[in-house]
Amino acid sequence: MLPLHSLGERIVVLGPSNAGKSTLAVALAKKLGFPAVHLDQLHHLPHTDWKQRPEAEFAALHDAAILGERWVMEGNYSRLMPQRFARATGAILITSNHWLRFSRYLKRTLINRADRAGHLEGAQDSIKWEMIHWILVKTRNSGVKYAKILQESGLPIVECHTAEALNSLYRVWDLPDRR
């Protein structure tokens, strides 16, 4: 595993829904003193049930965010990866079993903590069939796709493909606890 400092000052965190991207981004941001940028928060309107912003508005917010000198940015949004990767100095890919990700989705939706990493301000999460389908079917094997994209990026990369590997990353890098 690469040392954390080898990823530089602009780190992207990729992975499927509910793999732990937001939580990792917050832990990294706390450790490094960088801002954490959650792309889902830029893509959706606050105080809604995850209603999307107009695409041009989201792209403008994304492009403004990547201009920062230091950041940990989590989220995928493949269509905006080229400009994000052009500014990034390192990348982390986290994946895990789709059933684990599904259980995390249910937990975060049913418990609905406003202080959860990546939570949309003022939103009341609700269980959505399209999200269940997204986790269990659409993104079931997306880790392979993201790994290929990252390999082609030329960025220094750390990959965690299991919950155990992610826990090890937290320990090795001495990241703040994930609560």
N, C-alpha and C. Protein backbone atom coordinates (compact mmCIF):
# COMPACT_ATOMS: atom_id res chain seq x y z
N MET A 1 0.85 -1.18 0.00
CA MET A 1 0.00 0.00 0.00
C MET A 1 0.90 1.25 0.00
N LEU A 2 0.55 2.19 -0.85
CA LEU A 2 1.31 3.43 -0.93
C LEU A 2 1.13 4.24 0.36
N PRO A 3 2.15 5.00 0.75
CA PRO A 3 1.95 5.91 1.88
C PRO A 3 1.00 7.04 1.49
N LEU A 4 0.26 7.54 2.44
CA LEU A 4 -0.73 8.59 2.18
C LEU A 4 -0.12 9.80 1.48
N HIS A 5 1.06 10.23 1.90
CA HIS A 5 1.65 11.44 1.31
C HIS A 5 1.93 11.29 -0.18
N SER A 6 2.04 10.06 -0.68
CA SER A 6 2.32 9.86 -2.11
C SER A 6 1.13 10.21 -3.00
N LEU A 7 -0.04 10.40 -2.40
CA LEU A 7 -1.23 10.77 -3.18
C LEU A 7 -1.35 12.27 -3.40
N GLY A 8 -0.50 13.05 -2.77
CA GLY A 8 -0.48 14.48 -3.01
C GLY A 8 -1.57 15.25 -2.30
N GLU A 9 -1.91 16.41 -2.86
CA GLU A 9 -2.82 17.35 -2.19
C GLU A 9 -4.20 17.46 -2.82
N ARG A 10 -4.45 16.67 -3.86
CA ARG A 10 -5.78 16.64 -4.48
C ARG A 10 -6.10 15.18 -4.78
N ILE A 11 -6.88 14.60 -3.88
CA ILE A 11 -7.14 13.16 -3.90
C ILE A 11 -8.59 12.90 -4.30
N VAL A 12 -8.77 12.03 -5.29
CA VAL A 12 -10.11 11.59 -5.67
C VAL A 12 -10.38 10.23 -5.02
N VAL A 13 -11.61 10.04 -4.57
CA VAL A 13 -12.05 8.78 -3.99
C VAL A 13 -13.21 8.28 -4.83
N LEU A 14 -13.02 7.12 -5.44
CA LEU A 14 -14.04 6.53 -6.31
C LEU A 14 -14.52 5.21 -5.73
N GLY A 15 -15.68 4.79 -6.20
CA GLY A 15 -16.23 3.51 -5.81
C GLY A 15 -17.74 3.51 -5.94
N PRO A 16 -18.34 2.34 -5.86
CA PRO A 16 -19.80 2.25 -5.99
C PRO A 16 -20.52 2.85 -4.79
N SER A 17 -21.81 3.06 -4.96
CA SER A 17 -22.65 3.63 -3.90
C SER A 17 -22.54 2.82 -2.62
N ASN A 18 -22.41 3.53 -1.51
CA ASN A 18 -22.39 2.96 -0.16
C ASN A 18 -21.16 2.09 0.12
N ALA A 19 -20.07 2.35 -0.60
CA ALA A 19 -18.82 1.63 -0.34
C ALA A 19 -18.03 2.27 0.80
N GLY A 20 -18.37 3.53 1.14
CA GLY A 20 -17.66 4.23 2.21
C GLY A 20 -16.84 5.42 1.73
N LYS A 21 -17.13 5.90 0.51
CA LYS A 21 -16.37 7.02 -0.06
C LYS A 21 -16.47 8.28 0.78
N SER A 22 -17.65 8.65 1.17
CA SER A 22 -17.85 9.90 1.94
C SER A 22 -17.16 9.83 3.28
N THR A 23 -17.29 8.71 3.96
CA THR A 23 -16.68 8.55 5.28
C THR A 23 -15.16 8.61 5.16
N LEU A 24 -14.62 7.94 4.14
CA LEU A 24 -13.17 7.98 3.93
C LEU A 24 -12.71 9.39 3.59
N ALA A 25 -13.46 10.09 2.75
CA ALA A 25 -13.08 11.46 2.38
C ALA A 25 -13.03 12.36 3.61
N VAL A 26 -13.98 12.23 4.51
CA VAL A 26 -13.99 13.04 5.73
C VAL A 26 -12.80 12.69 6.61
N ALA A 27 -12.50 11.40 6.74
CA ALA A 27 -11.36 10.98 7.56
C ALA A 27 -10.05 11.51 6.98
N LEU A 28 -9.90 11.43 5.67
CA LEU A 28 -8.70 11.95 5.02
C LEU A 28 -8.60 13.46 5.18
N ALA A 29 -9.73 14.14 5.00
CA ALA A 29 -9.74 15.60 5.12
C ALA A 29 -9.33 16.04 6.53
N LYS A 30 -9.84 15.34 7.54
CA LYS A 30 -9.47 15.66 8.93
C LYS A 30 -7.99 15.42 9.16
N LYS A 31 -7.49 14.31 8.68
CA LYS A 31 -6.08 13.96 8.87
C LYS A 31 -5.15 14.96 8.17
N LEU A 32 -5.51 15.34 6.94
CA LEU A 32 -4.64 16.18 6.12
C LEU A 32 -4.90 17.68 6.26
N GLY A 33 -6.05 18.05 6.82
CA GLY A 33 -6.40 19.46 6.91
C GLY A 33 -6.88 20.04 5.58
N PHE A 34 -7.40 19.19 4.72
CA PHE A 34 -7.93 19.62 3.42
C PHE A 34 -9.45 19.64 3.49
N PRO A 35 -10.10 20.41 2.61
CA PRO A 35 -11.56 20.32 2.55
C PRO A 35 -12.00 19.01 1.90
N ALA A 36 -13.10 18.47 2.38
CA ALA A 36 -13.73 17.31 1.76
C ALA A 36 -14.82 17.82 0.83
N VAL A 37 -14.83 17.35 -0.40
CA VAL A 37 -15.85 17.72 -1.38
C VAL A 37 -16.64 16.48 -1.72
N HIS A 38 -17.95 16.54 -1.49
CA HIS A 38 -18.84 15.42 -1.77
C HIS A 38 -19.63 15.76 -3.04
N LEU A 39 -19.33 15.06 -4.13
CA LEU A 39 -19.96 15.40 -5.40
C LEU A 39 -21.47 15.22 -5.37
N ASP A 40 -21.98 14.27 -4.58
CA ASP A 40 -23.44 14.13 -4.47
C ASP A 40 -24.07 15.41 -3.92
N GLN A 41 -23.37 16.11 -3.02
CA GLN A 41 -23.91 17.36 -2.48
C GLN A 41 -23.92 18.47 -3.53
N LEU A 42 -22.98 18.41 -4.46
CA LEU A 42 -22.98 19.39 -5.55
C LEU A 42 -24.02 19.03 -6.61
N HIS A 43 -24.26 17.75 -6.79
CA HIS A 43 -25.17 17.27 -7.84
C HIS A 43 -26.65 17.39 -7.44
N HIS A 44 -26.91 17.43 -6.15
CA HIS A 44 -28.31 17.46 -5.68
C HIS A 44 -28.60 18.76 -4.93
N LEU A 45 -29.84 19.15 -4.97
CA LEU A 45 -30.28 20.37 -4.30
C LEU A 45 -30.51 20.10 -2.81
N PRO A 46 -29.96 20.96 -1.93
CA PRO A 46 -30.21 20.77 -0.50
C PRO A 46 -31.70 20.94 -0.18
N HIS A 47 -32.09 20.39 0.94
CA HIS A 47 -33.48 20.48 1.42
C HIS A 47 -34.47 19.83 0.46
N THR A 48 -34.00 18.80 -0.25
CA THR A 48 -34.87 18.01 -1.12
C THR A 48 -34.62 16.53 -0.81
N ASP A 49 -35.40 15.67 -1.42
CA ASP A 49 -35.18 14.23 -1.31
C ASP A 49 -34.29 13.81 -2.48
N TRP A 50 -33.08 14.41 -2.52
CA TRP A 50 -32.06 14.11 -3.53
C TRP A 50 -32.49 14.49 -4.95
N LYS A 51 -33.12 15.66 -5.07
CA LYS A 51 -33.47 16.18 -6.39
C LYS A 51 -32.21 16.73 -7.06
N GLN A 52 -32.02 16.35 -8.33
CA GLN A 52 -30.80 16.75 -9.04
C GLN A 52 -30.86 18.21 -9.48
N ARG A 53 -29.67 18.84 -9.45
CA ARG A 53 -29.52 20.18 -10.01
C ARG A 53 -29.54 20.07 -11.53
N PRO A 54 -29.77 21.17 -12.23
CA PRO A 54 -29.56 21.15 -13.68
C PRO A 54 -28.10 20.78 -13.97
N GLU A 55 -27.87 20.02 -15.03
CA GLU A 55 -26.54 19.50 -15.35
C GLU A 55 -25.49 20.61 -15.49
N ALA A 56 -25.84 21.71 -16.14
CA ALA A 56 -24.87 22.80 -16.33
C ALA A 56 -24.47 23.40 -14.99
N GLU A 57 -25.41 23.52 -14.08
CA GLU A 57 -25.11 24.07 -12.76
C GLU A 57 -24.19 23.12 -11.98
N PHE A 58 -24.48 21.82 -12.04
CA PHE A 58 -23.63 20.84 -11.37
C PHE A 58 -22.22 20.86 -11.96
N ALA A 59 -22.10 20.87 -13.27
CA ALA A 59 -20.78 20.88 -13.92
C ALA A 59 -19.99 22.12 -13.52
N ALA A 60 -20.66 23.26 -13.41
CA ALA A 60 -19.99 24.50 -13.01
C ALA A 60 -19.50 24.40 -11.56
N LEU A 61 -20.31 23.83 -10.67
CA LEU A 61 -19.90 23.66 -9.27
C LEU A 61 -18.71 22.70 -9.19
N HIS A 62 -18.77 21.62 -9.94
CA HIS A 62 -17.67 20.65 -9.98
C HIS A 62 -16.39 21.32 -10.46
N ASP A 63 -16.48 22.03 -11.58
CA ASP A 63 -15.29 22.64 -12.16
C ASP A 63 -14.70 23.72 -11.26
N ALA A 64 -15.54 24.41 -10.51
CA ALA A 64 -15.03 25.40 -9.55
C ALA A 64 -14.34 24.68 -8.38
N ALA A 65 -14.90 23.57 -7.94
CA ALA A 65 -14.33 22.84 -6.80
C ALA A 65 -12.96 22.26 -7.13
N ILE A 66 -12.76 21.78 -8.34
CA ILE A 66 -11.47 21.16 -8.67
C ILE A 66 -10.34 22.18 -8.80
N LEU A 67 -10.69 23.47 -8.86
CA LEU A 67 -9.66 24.51 -8.95
C LEU A 67 -8.93 24.75 -7.62
N GLY A 68 -9.49 24.22 -6.53
CA GLY A 68 -8.85 24.38 -5.23
C GLY A 68 -7.46 23.77 -5.22
N GLU A 69 -6.59 24.32 -4.37
CA GLU A 69 -5.22 23.82 -4.28
C GLU A 69 -5.13 22.47 -3.56
N ARG A 70 -6.02 22.28 -2.59
CA ARG A 70 -6.02 21.04 -1.80
C ARG A 70 -7.45 20.58 -1.61
N TRP A 71 -7.68 19.29 -1.79
CA TRP A 71 -9.00 18.72 -1.53
C TRP A 71 -8.96 17.20 -1.55
N VAL A 72 -9.97 16.64 -0.91
CA VAL A 72 -10.29 15.22 -1.03
C VAL A 72 -11.70 15.22 -1.62
N MET A 73 -11.83 14.71 -2.83
CA MET A 73 -13.11 14.77 -3.55
C MET A 73 -13.62 13.36 -3.78
N GLU A 74 -14.82 13.11 -3.26
CA GLU A 74 -15.39 11.77 -3.43
C GLU A 74 -16.63 11.81 -4.29
N GLY A 75 -16.76 10.78 -5.09
CA GLY A 75 -17.89 10.64 -6.00
C GLY A 75 -17.38 10.23 -7.37
N ASN A 76 -18.27 9.76 -8.18
CA ASN A 76 -17.86 9.21 -9.47
C ASN A 76 -18.16 10.19 -10.61
N TYR A 77 -19.39 10.20 -11.09
CA TYR A 77 -19.80 11.10 -12.17
C TYR A 77 -18.77 11.06 -13.31
N SER A 78 -18.76 9.93 -13.99
CA SER A 78 -17.77 9.63 -15.05
C SER A 78 -17.62 10.74 -16.07
N ARG A 79 -18.72 11.39 -16.40
CA ARG A 79 -18.67 12.43 -17.44
C ARG A 79 -17.78 13.61 -17.06
N LEU A 80 -17.52 13.79 -15.77
CA LEU A 80 -16.67 14.89 -15.31
C LEU A 80 -15.28 14.44 -14.86
N MET A 81 -15.00 13.15 -15.02
CA MET A 81 -13.70 12.64 -14.58
C MET A 81 -12.51 13.23 -15.33
N PRO A 82 -12.59 13.47 -16.64
CA PRO A 82 -11.39 13.98 -17.32
C PRO A 82 -10.82 15.25 -16.69
N GLN A 83 -11.65 16.25 -16.44
CA GLN A 83 -11.13 17.48 -15.85
C GLN A 83 -10.74 17.28 -14.38
N ARG A 84 -11.44 16.40 -13.67
CA ARG A 84 -11.09 16.12 -12.27
C ARG A 84 -9.74 15.41 -12.20
N PHE A 85 -9.54 14.42 -13.04
CA PHE A 85 -8.27 13.69 -13.04
C PHE A 85 -7.11 14.56 -13.51
N ALA A 86 -7.39 15.52 -14.36
CA ALA A 86 -6.33 16.43 -14.81
C ALA A 86 -5.79 17.26 -13.65
N ARG A 87 -6.61 17.53 -12.64
CA ARG A 87 -6.19 18.30 -11.46
C ARG A 87 -5.75 17.42 -10.30
N ALA A 88 -6.23 16.18 -10.26
CA ALA A 88 -5.94 15.29 -9.13
C ALA A 88 -4.47 14.91 -9.10
N THR A 89 -4.00 14.62 -7.88
CA THR A 89 -2.62 14.16 -7.70
C THR A 89 -2.55 12.72 -7.21
N GLY A 90 -3.68 12.14 -6.86
CA GLY A 90 -3.73 10.75 -6.40
C GLY A 90 -5.16 10.28 -6.33
N ALA A 91 -5.33 8.96 -6.25
CA ALA A 91 -6.68 8.39 -6.27
C ALA A 91 -6.78 7.17 -5.36
N ILE A 92 -7.97 6.99 -4.82
CA ILE A 92 -8.28 5.82 -4.01
C ILE A 92 -9.56 5.20 -4.57
N LEU A 93 -9.54 3.90 -4.78
CA LEU A 93 -10.72 3.16 -5.20
C LEU A 93 -11.12 2.24 -4.07
N ILE A 94 -12.37 2.37 -3.63
CA ILE A 94 -12.88 1.43 -2.63
C ILE A 94 -14.10 0.73 -3.19
N THR A 95 -14.12 -0.56 -3.02
CA THR A 95 -15.27 -1.36 -3.43
C THR A 95 -15.55 -2.34 -2.30
N SER A 96 -16.67 -2.97 -2.35
CA SER A 96 -16.98 -4.02 -1.38
C SER A 96 -18.15 -4.81 -1.93
N ASN A 97 -18.48 -5.86 -1.25
CA ASN A 97 -19.58 -6.73 -1.63
C ASN A 97 -20.88 -5.95 -1.75
N HIS A 98 -21.66 -6.23 -2.78
CA HIS A 98 -22.91 -5.49 -3.00
C HIS A 98 -23.91 -5.68 -1.87
N TRP A 99 -23.90 -6.84 -1.19
CA TRP A 99 -24.82 -7.04 -0.07
C TRP A 99 -24.43 -6.17 1.12
N LEU A 100 -23.13 -6.00 1.34
CA LEU A 100 -22.67 -5.09 2.40
C LEU A 100 -23.09 -3.66 2.06
N ARG A 101 -22.92 -3.26 0.82
CA ARG A 101 -23.31 -1.91 0.41
C ARG A 101 -24.81 -1.71 0.54
N PHE A 102 -25.58 -2.75 0.22
CA PHE A 102 -27.03 -2.68 0.36
C PHE A 102 -27.41 -2.51 1.84
N SER A 103 -26.77 -3.27 2.73
CA SER A 103 -27.09 -3.15 4.16
C SER A 103 -26.71 -1.76 4.68
N ARG A 104 -25.61 -1.20 4.17
CA ARG A 104 -25.23 0.16 4.57
C ARG A 104 -26.29 1.16 4.10
N TYR A 105 -26.80 0.96 2.90
CA TYR A 105 -27.85 1.85 2.38
C TYR A 105 -29.08 1.80 3.28
N LEU A 106 -29.52 0.60 3.62
CA LEU A 106 -30.70 0.48 4.49
C LEU A 106 -30.44 1.14 5.84
N LYS A 107 -29.27 0.89 6.41
CA LYS A 107 -28.95 1.47 7.72
C LYS A 107 -28.94 3.00 7.65
N ARG A 108 -28.26 3.55 6.65
CA ARG A 108 -28.17 5.01 6.59
C ARG A 108 -29.52 5.65 6.29
N THR A 109 -30.37 4.95 5.56
CA THR A 109 -31.69 5.49 5.22
C THR A 109 -32.64 5.39 6.40
N LEU A 110 -32.60 4.28 7.11
CA LEU A 110 -33.52 4.08 8.23
C LEU A 110 -33.10 4.87 9.47
N ILE A 111 -31.80 4.98 9.70
CA ILE A 111 -31.33 5.72 10.87
C ILE A 111 -31.31 7.22 10.58
N ASN A 112 -30.93 7.59 9.36
CA ASN A 112 -31.06 8.96 8.87
C ASN A 112 -30.40 10.01 9.77
N ARG A 113 -29.10 9.89 9.94
CA ARG A 113 -28.35 10.85 10.76
C ARG A 113 -27.95 12.06 9.92
N ALA A 114 -28.26 13.24 10.40
CA ALA A 114 -27.90 14.46 9.68
C ALA A 114 -26.40 14.71 9.70
N ASP A 115 -25.67 14.08 10.62
CA ASP A 115 -24.22 14.28 10.69
C ASP A 115 -23.45 13.22 9.90
N ARG A 116 -24.15 12.38 9.15
CA ARG A 116 -23.50 11.35 8.35
C ARG A 116 -22.66 12.00 7.26
N ALA A 117 -21.48 11.48 7.04
CA ALA A 117 -20.59 12.00 5.99
C ALA A 117 -21.32 11.97 4.65
N GLY A 118 -21.29 13.09 3.94
CA GLY A 118 -21.92 13.17 2.63
C GLY A 118 -23.42 13.40 2.64
N HIS A 119 -24.00 13.55 3.83
CA HIS A 119 -25.45 13.78 3.93
C HIS A 119 -25.83 15.08 3.22
N LEU A 120 -26.93 15.05 2.54
CA LEU A 120 -27.43 16.24 1.85
C LEU A 120 -28.14 17.14 2.86
N GLU A 121 -27.68 18.37 2.97
CA GLU A 121 -28.24 19.31 3.95
C GLU A 121 -29.76 19.40 3.83
N GLY A 122 -30.42 19.20 4.96
CA GLY A 122 -31.87 19.35 5.02
C GLY A 122 -32.65 18.23 4.36
N ALA A 123 -31.97 17.19 3.90
CA ALA A 123 -32.68 16.10 3.21
C ALA A 123 -33.17 15.06 4.20
N GLN A 124 -34.28 14.49 3.90
CA GLN A 124 -34.81 13.36 4.64
C GLN A 124 -34.71 12.16 3.72
N ASP A 125 -33.73 11.31 3.98
CA ASP A 125 -33.54 10.14 3.12
C ASP A 125 -34.74 9.22 3.20
N SER A 126 -35.01 8.55 2.11
CA SER A 126 -36.06 7.54 2.08
C SER A 126 -35.59 6.39 1.21
N ILE A 127 -36.09 5.21 1.50
CA ILE A 127 -35.72 4.04 0.71
C ILE A 127 -36.33 4.19 -0.68
N LYS A 128 -35.49 4.01 -1.68
CA LYS A 128 -35.93 4.16 -3.08
C LYS A 128 -35.61 2.89 -3.84
N TRP A 129 -36.61 2.36 -4.54
CA TRP A 129 -36.40 1.14 -5.31
C TRP A 129 -35.32 1.32 -6.37
N GLU A 130 -35.25 2.51 -6.96
CA GLU A 130 -34.23 2.73 -7.99
C GLU A 130 -32.82 2.68 -7.39
N MET A 131 -32.68 3.10 -6.13
CA MET A 131 -31.37 3.02 -5.46
C MET A 131 -31.03 1.57 -5.12
N ILE A 132 -32.01 0.81 -4.69
CA ILE A 132 -31.79 -0.62 -4.41
C ILE A 132 -31.33 -1.33 -5.69
N HIS A 133 -32.00 -1.05 -6.80
CA HIS A 133 -31.61 -1.62 -8.10
C HIS A 133 -30.21 -1.17 -8.48
N TRP A 134 -29.91 0.10 -8.25
CA TRP A 134 -28.59 0.65 -8.55
C TRP A 134 -27.49 -0.12 -7.80
N ILE A 135 -27.72 -0.36 -6.52
CA ILE A 135 -26.71 -1.03 -5.69
C ILE A 135 -26.60 -2.51 -6.04
N LEU A 136 -27.74 -3.19 -6.14
CA LEU A 136 -27.71 -4.65 -6.31
C LEU A 136 -27.50 -5.11 -7.75
N VAL A 137 -27.83 -4.25 -8.72
CA VAL A 137 -27.73 -4.68 -10.12
C VAL A 137 -26.78 -3.80 -10.92
N LYS A 138 -27.10 -2.52 -11.03
CA LYS A 138 -26.37 -1.63 -11.93
C LYS A 138 -24.89 -1.47 -11.57
N THR A 139 -24.57 -1.33 -10.29
CA THR A 139 -23.18 -1.07 -9.90
C THR A 139 -22.54 -2.28 -9.23
N ARG A 140 -23.13 -3.43 -9.41
CA ARG A 140 -22.65 -4.65 -8.74
C ARG A 140 -21.17 -4.90 -9.01
N ASN A 141 -20.73 -4.71 -10.25
CA ASN A 141 -19.34 -4.96 -10.62
C ASN A 141 -18.64 -3.71 -11.13
N SER A 142 -19.05 -2.56 -10.66
CA SER A 142 -18.49 -1.30 -11.17
C SER A 142 -17.04 -1.08 -10.75
N GLY A 143 -16.57 -1.78 -9.74
CA GLY A 143 -15.20 -1.63 -9.31
C GLY A 143 -14.20 -1.93 -10.42
N VAL A 144 -14.53 -2.89 -11.27
CA VAL A 144 -13.67 -3.24 -12.41
C VAL A 144 -13.58 -2.06 -13.37
N LYS A 145 -14.72 -1.44 -13.64
CA LYS A 145 -14.75 -0.27 -14.53
C LYS A 145 -13.91 0.87 -13.96
N TYR A 146 -14.10 1.17 -12.67
CA TYR A 146 -13.35 2.27 -12.06
C TYR A 146 -11.86 1.96 -11.99
N ALA A 147 -11.50 0.70 -11.73
CA ALA A 147 -10.08 0.33 -11.68
C ALA A 147 -9.43 0.56 -13.03
N LYS A 148 -10.13 0.23 -14.10
CA LYS A 148 -9.59 0.43 -15.45
C LYS A 148 -9.40 1.92 -15.74
N ILE A 149 -10.39 2.72 -15.40
CA ILE A 149 -10.31 4.18 -15.60
C ILE A 149 -9.12 4.74 -14.82
N LEU A 150 -8.97 4.31 -13.58
CA LEU A 150 -7.87 4.82 -12.76
C LEU A 150 -6.52 4.37 -13.29
N GLN A 151 -6.41 3.14 -13.73
CA GLN A 151 -5.13 2.67 -14.29
C GLN A 151 -4.72 3.52 -15.49
N GLU A 152 -5.71 3.91 -16.30
CA GLU A 152 -5.44 4.73 -17.48
C GLU A 152 -5.12 6.18 -17.13
N SER A 153 -5.46 6.60 -15.91
CA SER A 153 -5.26 8.00 -15.50
C SER A 153 -3.79 8.34 -15.27
N GLY A 154 -2.99 7.35 -14.93
CA GLY A 154 -1.59 7.61 -14.61
C GLY A 154 -1.36 8.15 -13.21
N LEU A 155 -2.42 8.28 -12.42
CA LEU A 155 -2.29 8.78 -11.04
C LEU A 155 -1.79 7.68 -10.12
N PRO A 156 -1.11 8.05 -9.02
CA PRO A 156 -0.82 7.06 -7.98
C PRO A 156 -2.17 6.59 -7.40
N ILE A 157 -2.30 5.27 -7.24
CA ILE A 157 -3.59 4.69 -6.86
C ILE A 157 -3.44 3.75 -5.68
N VAL A 158 -4.42 3.83 -4.77
CA VAL A 158 -4.57 2.84 -3.71
C VAL A 158 -5.94 2.20 -3.93
N GLU A 159 -5.97 0.86 -3.92
CA GLU A 159 -7.23 0.15 -4.11
C GLU A 159 -7.55 -0.70 -2.88
N CYS A 160 -8.81 -0.62 -2.43
CA CYS A 160 -9.32 -1.45 -1.34
C CYS A 160 -10.57 -2.14 -1.86
N HIS A 161 -10.51 -3.46 -2.00
CA HIS A 161 -11.62 -4.20 -2.60
C HIS A 161 -12.46 -4.98 -1.59
N THR A 162 -12.13 -4.86 -0.32
CA THR A 162 -12.92 -5.51 0.72
C THR A 162 -13.05 -4.57 1.90
N ALA A 163 -14.01 -4.85 2.76
CA ALA A 163 -14.17 -4.06 3.98
C ALA A 163 -12.91 -4.21 4.86
N GLU A 164 -12.31 -5.40 4.87
CA GLU A 164 -11.10 -5.63 5.65
C GLU A 164 -9.95 -4.76 5.13
N ALA A 165 -9.83 -4.66 3.79
CA ALA A 165 -8.76 -3.83 3.21
C ALA A 165 -8.98 -2.36 3.56
N LEU A 166 -10.22 -1.93 3.57
CA LEU A 166 -10.51 -0.54 3.93
C LEU A 166 -10.19 -0.29 5.40
N ASN A 167 -10.55 -1.24 6.26
CA ASN A 167 -10.21 -1.11 7.68
C ASN A 167 -8.70 -1.05 7.87
N SER A 168 -7.97 -1.82 7.11
CA SER A 168 -6.51 -1.80 7.17
C SER A 168 -5.96 -0.44 6.74
N LEU A 169 -6.56 0.14 5.72
CA LEU A 169 -6.15 1.46 5.25
C LEU A 169 -6.29 2.49 6.37
N TYR A 170 -7.41 2.45 7.08
CA TYR A 170 -7.63 3.36 8.21
C TYR A 170 -6.53 3.18 9.26
N ARG A 171 -6.18 1.94 9.54
CA ARG A 171 -5.15 1.67 10.56
C ARG A 171 -3.77 2.13 10.09
N VAL A 172 -3.37 1.71 8.88
CA VAL A 172 -2.03 2.01 8.37
C VAL A 172 -1.82 3.52 8.24
N TRP A 173 -2.82 4.23 7.77
CA TRP A 173 -2.70 5.68 7.60
C TRP A 173 -3.07 6.45 8.86
N ASP A 174 -3.45 5.75 9.92
CA ASP A 174 -3.83 6.36 11.19
C ASP A 174 -4.91 7.42 11.00
N LEU A 175 -5.97 7.00 10.32
CA LEU A 175 -7.10 7.90 10.05
C LEU A 175 -8.05 7.92 11.23
N PRO A 176 -8.78 9.03 11.39
CA PRO A 176 -9.76 9.10 12.48
C PRO A 176 -10.80 7.99 12.36
N ASP A 177 -11.30 7.55 13.50
CA ASP A 177 -12.30 6.49 13.56
C ASP A 177 -13.50 6.81 12.67
N ARG A 178 -14.12 5.78 12.15
CA ARG A 178 -15.21 5.95 11.18
C ARG A 178 -16.58 6.09 11.83
N ARG A 179 -16.71 6.74 12.92
CA ARG A 179 -18.03 6.93 13.52
C ARG A 179 -18.50 8.33 13.32
